[in-house]
Protein backbone atom coordinates (compact mmCIF):
# COMPACT_ATOMS: atom_id res chain seq x y z
CA UNK A 1 15.94 -0.62 -12.70
CA UNK A 2 14.69 -1.50 -9.23
CA UNK A 3 16.78 1.12 -7.49
CA UNK A 4 15.84 3.85 -9.97
CA UNK A 5 12.22 3.28 -8.94
CA UNK A 6 12.18 1.81 -5.45
CA UNK A 7 13.75 4.65 -3.45
CA UNK A 8 10.57 6.71 -3.87
CA UNK A 9 8.52 4.21 -1.85
CA UNK A 10 9.96 5.59 1.40
CA UNK A 11 10.97 9.09 0.34
CA UNK A 12 9.85 11.64 2.96
CA UNK A 13 8.88 14.09 0.22
CA UNK A 14 6.53 11.50 -1.26
CA UNK A 15 5.20 10.44 2.15
CA UNK A 16 4.47 14.06 3.08
CA UNK A 17 2.45 14.50 -0.11
CA UNK A 18 0.55 11.24 0.43
CA UNK A 19 -0.31 12.17 3.99
CA UNK A 20 -1.66 15.52 2.80
CA UNK A 21 -3.98 13.50 0.54
CA UNK A 22 -5.18 11.33 3.42
CA UNK A 23 -3.05 8.17 3.29
CA UNK A 24 -0.54 7.84 6.13
CA UNK A 25 2.91 6.32 5.78
CA UNK A 26 3.31 3.32 3.48
CA UNK A 27 -0.37 3.38 2.50
CA UNK A 28 0.44 6.24 0.15
CA UNK A 29 2.95 4.05 -1.68
CA UNK A 30 0.19 1.49 -2.25
CA UNK A 31 -2.20 4.19 -3.46
CA UNK A 32 0.31 5.71 -5.90
CA UNK A 33 1.45 2.41 -7.37
CA UNK A 34 -2.09 1.04 -7.55
CA UNK A 35 -3.50 4.11 -9.31
CA UNK A 36 -3.40 2.64 -12.85
CA UNK A 37 -5.32 -0.48 -11.75
CA UNK A 38 -7.48 1.05 -9.01
CA UNK A 39 -10.60 1.42 -11.20
CA UNK A 40 -10.76 -2.39 -11.29
CA UNK A 41 -11.15 -2.46 -7.49
CA UNK A 42 -9.24 -3.85 -4.50
CA UNK A 43 -9.44 -7.52 -5.48
CA UNK A 44 -7.65 -6.79 -8.76
CA UNK A 45 -4.94 -4.85 -6.92
CA UNK A 46 -4.55 -7.65 -4.35
CA UNK A 47 -4.05 -10.12 -7.20
CA UNK A 48 -1.50 -7.89 -8.96
CA UNK A 49 0.55 -6.85 -5.93
CA UNK A 50 1.14 -10.42 -4.77
CA UNK A 51 3.00 -10.07 -1.49
CA UNK A 52 1.37 -6.97 0.00
CA UNK A 53 -1.18 -8.01 2.61
CA UNK A 54 -4.72 -7.97 1.17
CA UNK A 55 -5.89 -6.26 4.38
CA UNK A 56 -3.49 -3.37 3.76
CA UNK A 57 -4.72 -2.93 0.20
CA UNK A 58 -8.36 -2.98 1.30
CA UNK A 59 -7.53 -0.42 3.99
CA UNK A 60 -6.14 1.86 1.29
CA UNK A 61 -9.37 1.53 -0.69
CA UNK A 62 -11.32 2.41 2.44
CA UNK A 63 -9.30 5.63 2.76
CA UNK A 64 -8.90 6.64 -0.88
CA UNK A 65 -11.65 7.33 -3.40
CA UNK A 66 -9.52 9.03 -6.06
CA UNK A 67 -6.11 7.47 -6.70
CA UNK A 68 -4.79 9.67 -9.47
CA UNK A 69 -3.77 12.55 -7.14
CA UNK A 70 -1.41 10.05 -5.49
CA UNK A 71 0.06 9.23 -8.89
CA UNK A 72 0.68 12.92 -9.56
CA UNK A 73 2.07 13.48 -6.06
CA UNK A 74 4.48 10.59 -6.54
CA UNK A 75 5.69 12.12 -9.82
CA UNK A 76 6.31 15.47 -8.13
CA UNK A 77 8.38 13.72 -5.46
CA UNK A 78 10.32 11.73 -8.07
CA UNK A 79 11.33 14.82 -10.05
CA UNK A 80 12.28 16.68 -6.88
CA UNK A 81 14.14 13.76 -5.32
CA UNK A 82 16.21 12.71 -8.33
CA UNK A 83 17.53 16.24 -8.72
CA UNK A 84 18.26 16.52 -5.00
CA UNK A 85 19.67 13.10 -4.12
CA UNK A 86 21.07 11.65 -7.36
CA UNK A 87 21.57 14.49 -9.85
CA UNK A 88 24.01 12.43 -11.91
CA UNK A 89 21.12 10.17 -12.95
CA UNK A 90 19.21 12.96 -14.67
CA UNK A 91 21.06 13.37 -17.97
CA UNK A 92 21.68 9.67 -18.75
CA UNK A 93 18.12 8.77 -17.85
CA UNK A 94 16.73 11.50 -20.11
CA UNK A 95 19.00 10.35 -22.93
CA UNK A 96 17.88 6.74 -22.53
CA UNK A 97 14.17 7.55 -22.40
CA UNK A 98 13.21 7.31 -26.10
CA UNK A 99 14.97 3.96 -26.61
CA UNK A 100 13.56 2.60 -23.35
CA UNK A 101 10.05 3.49 -24.48
CA UNK A 102 10.73 1.79 -27.82
CA UNK A 103 11.48 -1.41 -25.90
CA UNK A 104 8.54 -0.99 -23.52
CA UNK A 105 6.09 -0.47 -26.38
CA UNK A 106 7.18 -3.79 -27.91
CA UNK A 107 6.84 -5.88 -24.73
CA UNK A 108 3.94 -8.39 -24.68
CA UNK A 109 1.28 -7.56 -22.12
CA UNK A 110 -0.47 -10.96 -22.01
CA UNK A 111 -0.65 -12.08 -18.39
CA UNK A 112 0.96 -8.88 -17.16
CA UNK A 113 -1.93 -6.89 -15.79
CA UNK A 114 -0.12 -4.30 -13.67
CA UNK A 115 2.23 -3.54 -16.56
CA UNK A 116 -0.77 -3.23 -18.89
CA UNK A 117 -2.52 -0.90 -16.48
CA UNK A 118 0.57 1.30 -16.28
CA UNK A 119 0.67 1.51 -20.06
CA UNK A 120 -2.75 3.19 -20.09
CA UNK A 121 -1.49 6.15 -18.09
CA UNK A 122 -0.53 9.39 -19.88
CA UNK A 123 3.19 9.75 -20.46
CA UNK A 124 4.70 12.84 -18.86
CA UNK A 125 5.86 15.71 -21.04
CA UNK A 126 8.85 16.20 -18.77
CA UNK A 127 11.67 14.09 -20.31
CA UNK A 128 13.07 13.01 -16.93
CA UNK A 129 9.70 11.80 -15.66
CA UNK A 130 8.96 10.20 -19.03
CA UNK A 131 12.17 8.16 -18.87
CA UNK A 132 11.49 7.27 -15.22
CA UNK A 133 8.05 5.99 -16.23
CA UNK A 134 9.61 3.83 -18.94
CA UNK A 135 11.87 2.26 -16.31
CA UNK A 136 8.87 1.81 -14.03
CA UNK A 137 7.02 -0.05 -16.79
CA UNK A 138 10.02 -2.34 -17.23
CA UNK A 139 10.03 -2.95 -13.49
CA UNK A 140 6.32 -3.77 -13.45
CA UNK A 141 6.72 -6.10 -16.46
CA UNK A 142 9.39 -8.00 -14.57
CA UNK A 143 7.20 -8.08 -11.46
CA UNK A 144 4.21 -9.44 -13.34
CA UNK A 145 6.46 -12.05 -14.96
CA UNK A 146 7.77 -13.10 -11.56
CA UNK A 147 4.30 -13.40 -10.05
CA UNK A 148 3.14 -15.52 -12.99
CA UNK A 149 5.96 -17.93 -12.18
CA UNK A 150 5.08 -17.84 -8.48
CA UNK A 151 1.47 -18.70 -9.29
CA UNK A 152 2.55 -21.46 -11.68
CA UNK A 153 4.59 -22.95 -8.83
CA UNK A 154 1.39 -23.16 -6.78
CA UNK A 155 2.42 -20.57 -4.21
CA UNK A 156 0.30 -17.92 -2.51
CA UNK A 157 1.54 -14.42 -1.82
CA UNK A 158 2.28 -15.10 1.85
CA UNK A 159 4.05 -18.37 1.02
CA UNK A 160 6.18 -16.55 -1.53
CA UNK A 161 7.09 -13.90 1.06
CA UNK A 162 8.20 -16.52 3.59
CA UNK A 163 10.34 -18.30 0.98
CA UNK A 164 11.78 -14.99 -0.20
CA UNK A 165 12.67 -14.06 3.38
CA UNK A 166 14.53 -17.35 3.86
CA UNK A 167 16.30 -16.99 0.50
CA UNK A 168 17.50 -13.52 1.55
CA UNK A 169 18.70 -14.76 4.94
CA UNK A 170 16.65 -12.16 6.81
CA UNK A 171 15.45 -12.61 10.36
CA UNK A 172 12.43 -14.86 10.57
CA UNK A 173 9.25 -13.33 9.11
CA UNK A 174 10.82 -9.90 8.56
CA UNK A 175 9.76 -9.63 4.94
CA UNK A 176 6.08 -10.60 5.29
CA UNK A 177 5.77 -8.38 8.36
CA UNK A 178 7.25 -5.46 6.41
CA UNK A 179 4.54 -5.94 3.79
CA UNK A 180 1.76 -5.70 6.31
CA UNK A 181 1.00 -9.39 6.85
CA UNK A 182 -0.58 -10.22 10.19
CA UNK A 183 0.56 -12.95 12.56
CA UNK A 184 -2.48 -14.99 11.50
CA UNK A 185 -1.62 -14.66 7.82
CA UNK A 186 2.01 -15.58 8.45
CA UNK A 187 1.05 -18.59 10.57
CA UNK A 188 -1.24 -19.82 7.79
CA UNK A 189 1.60 -19.39 5.29
CA UNK A 190 4.00 -21.46 7.38
CA UNK A 191 1.37 -24.15 7.82
CA UNK A 192 0.66 -24.42 4.11
CA UNK A 193 4.38 -24.48 3.26
CA UNK A 194 4.78 -27.32 5.73
CA UNK A 195 2.00 -29.24 4.03
CA UNK A 196 3.85 -28.81 0.73
CA UNK A 197 7.13 -30.03 2.19
CA UNK A 198 8.75 -26.60 1.81
CA UNK A 199 8.98 -25.85 5.54
CA UNK A 200 9.70 -27.99 8.57
CA UNK A 201 9.38 -26.93 12.21
CA UNK A 202 9.12 -23.27 11.27
CA UNK A 203 12.17 -23.37 9.04
CA UNK A 204 12.15 -23.23 5.27
CA UNK A 205 13.67 -26.42 3.89
CA UNK A 206 16.62 -26.41 1.47
CA UNK A 207 14.11 -27.41 -1.18
CA UNK A 208 12.09 -24.29 -0.41
CA UNK A 209 15.15 -22.08 -0.82
CA UNK A 210 16.02 -23.87 -4.05
CA UNK A 211 12.51 -23.25 -5.36
CA UNK A 212 12.88 -19.54 -4.61
CA UNK A 213 16.23 -19.49 -6.42
CA UNK A 214 14.68 -21.21 -9.43
CA UNK A 215 11.90 -18.61 -9.53
CA UNK A 216 14.53 -15.85 -9.53
CA UNK A 217 16.57 -17.51 -12.24
CA UNK A 218 13.52 -18.13 -14.43
CA UNK A 219 12.40 -14.52 -13.99
CA UNK A 220 15.84 -13.27 -15.01
CA UNK A 221 15.85 -15.53 -18.06
CA UNK A 222 12.44 -14.33 -19.24
CA UNK A 223 13.56 -10.71 -18.79
CA UNK A 224 16.61 -11.09 -21.02
CA UNK A 225 14.38 -10.13 -23.98
CA UNK A 226 14.16 -6.57 -22.59
CA UNK A 227 17.90 -6.05 -22.75
CA UNK A 228 18.36 -7.86 -26.04
CA UNK A 229 15.84 -5.45 -27.52
CA UNK A 230 17.59 -2.47 -25.94
CA UNK A 231 20.94 -3.70 -27.20
CA UNK A 232 24.05 -4.99 -25.44
CA UNK A 233 26.05 -1.79 -25.86
CA UNK A 234 23.14 0.40 -24.73
CA UNK A 235 22.55 -1.87 -21.74
CA UNK A 236 26.17 -1.75 -20.60
CA UNK A 237 26.31 2.02 -21.02
CA UNK A 238 23.07 2.52 -19.10
CA UNK A 239 24.23 0.27 -16.27
CA UNK A 240 27.53 2.11 -15.98
CA UNK A 241 25.82 5.51 -15.99
CA UNK A 242 23.07 4.63 -13.52
CA UNK A 243 24.96 2.50 -11.00
CA UNK A 244 26.79 5.34 -9.16
CA UNK A 245 23.69 7.53 -8.65
CA UNK A 246 21.65 4.44 -7.81
CA UNK A 247 24.13 3.69 -5.01
CA UNK A 248 23.19 7.10 -3.60
CA UNK A 249 19.49 6.28 -3.96
CA UNK A 250 19.99 2.97 -2.16
CA UNK A 251 21.80 4.80 0.63
CA UNK A 252 18.74 7.05 0.75
CA UNK A 253 16.60 3.95 1.37
CA UNK A 254 18.91 3.01 4.25
CA UNK A 255 18.20 6.42 5.78
CA UNK A 256 14.47 6.61 5.17
CA UNK A 257 13.44 2.98 5.72
CA UNK A 258 16.34 0.73 6.76
CA UNK A 259 18.97 -1.56 5.27
CA UNK A 260 16.64 -4.52 4.74
CA UNK A 261 14.23 -2.62 2.52
CA UNK A 262 14.35 -2.85 -1.25
CA UNK A 263 15.94 -6.31 -1.14
CA UNK A 264 15.88 -6.64 -4.94
CA UNK A 265 18.65 -4.03 -5.04
CA UNK A 266 20.88 -5.77 -2.50
CA UNK A 267 23.29 -8.67 -2.48
CA UNK A 268 21.98 -11.73 -0.65
CA UNK A 269 23.51 -12.26 2.78
CA UNK A 270 23.68 -16.05 2.34
C-alpha cells in the first residue's frame, strides 16, 4: 500500500506541476497531501502530519491559498506515472477498487482525522484513480493509527523521527532532516529523549529502539482488521499482483529521491 502511493511524492511529473502552481520541490507534496485538511488551517495539518517539520507546513500555507489545484495536479501525475512506470499495476488495481472501497467505507474514523478529511473528497470517475484513492485512504488510516499510538506513548513528532531513524539504522538524524526539521528542533528532540531515558550521549538507547518496534508491531496489529475485511484470498492475490510493479515504483523512488526515502517500503538494515 505504501509503495503504491509513496512514489508520487518525488515524481518529477508531480513536482513540475506543483512548481507551476507556486510550490517548489517537496512543498508541493505537502500541499497536495494536505489539501483535504487544509481548510482547518496549518495547526491542524501540523497535528495530522506528525513528523513533518511544523515550519515547513507553515511555509506551505504562506505560499498556497488554494490547495485543491495541488490535489488535482497530483492525480494527473499519478495517472500518467502509473501507466508509464508500472503499467502492470493498472489492471489489478482497477479490479480491486470496488472491494477496497467497500473496506474503506467500513473503517472507523474516530481519532483518524487525516483519513476522515480524505473521505470528504470527491471520488474520481476514472477507475484507476478511484482505486488509487482507496489505497491512499487505507494508507492514511494506518498513518493516523500509528500517530495515535505515538501520542499515547508520550512522544512528540521530532522524538518519533529520531527513534524511527535509529530503528531503521540510518545515519544520525537523516530522517528528521529529510522531513525539514532544523538543527534546533533536532537538538530539542534529542534533549527530551534523554530526559525520558530513551537516548544517552546522542545515541538512542536499546529501550528507545524497542519502543519504536513496539509502536510498529501495535500499528500492524490494529491494521489487521483492514485485511480481514478484504479477505485472506483477496489480500494474497492483491499482494502478488502489486508487488512486481511496486518494485518498479520503488526503483523509481531510488532514481528521483534516493535509496533512503520511503523507508516504510524497505527492509530494515539492522
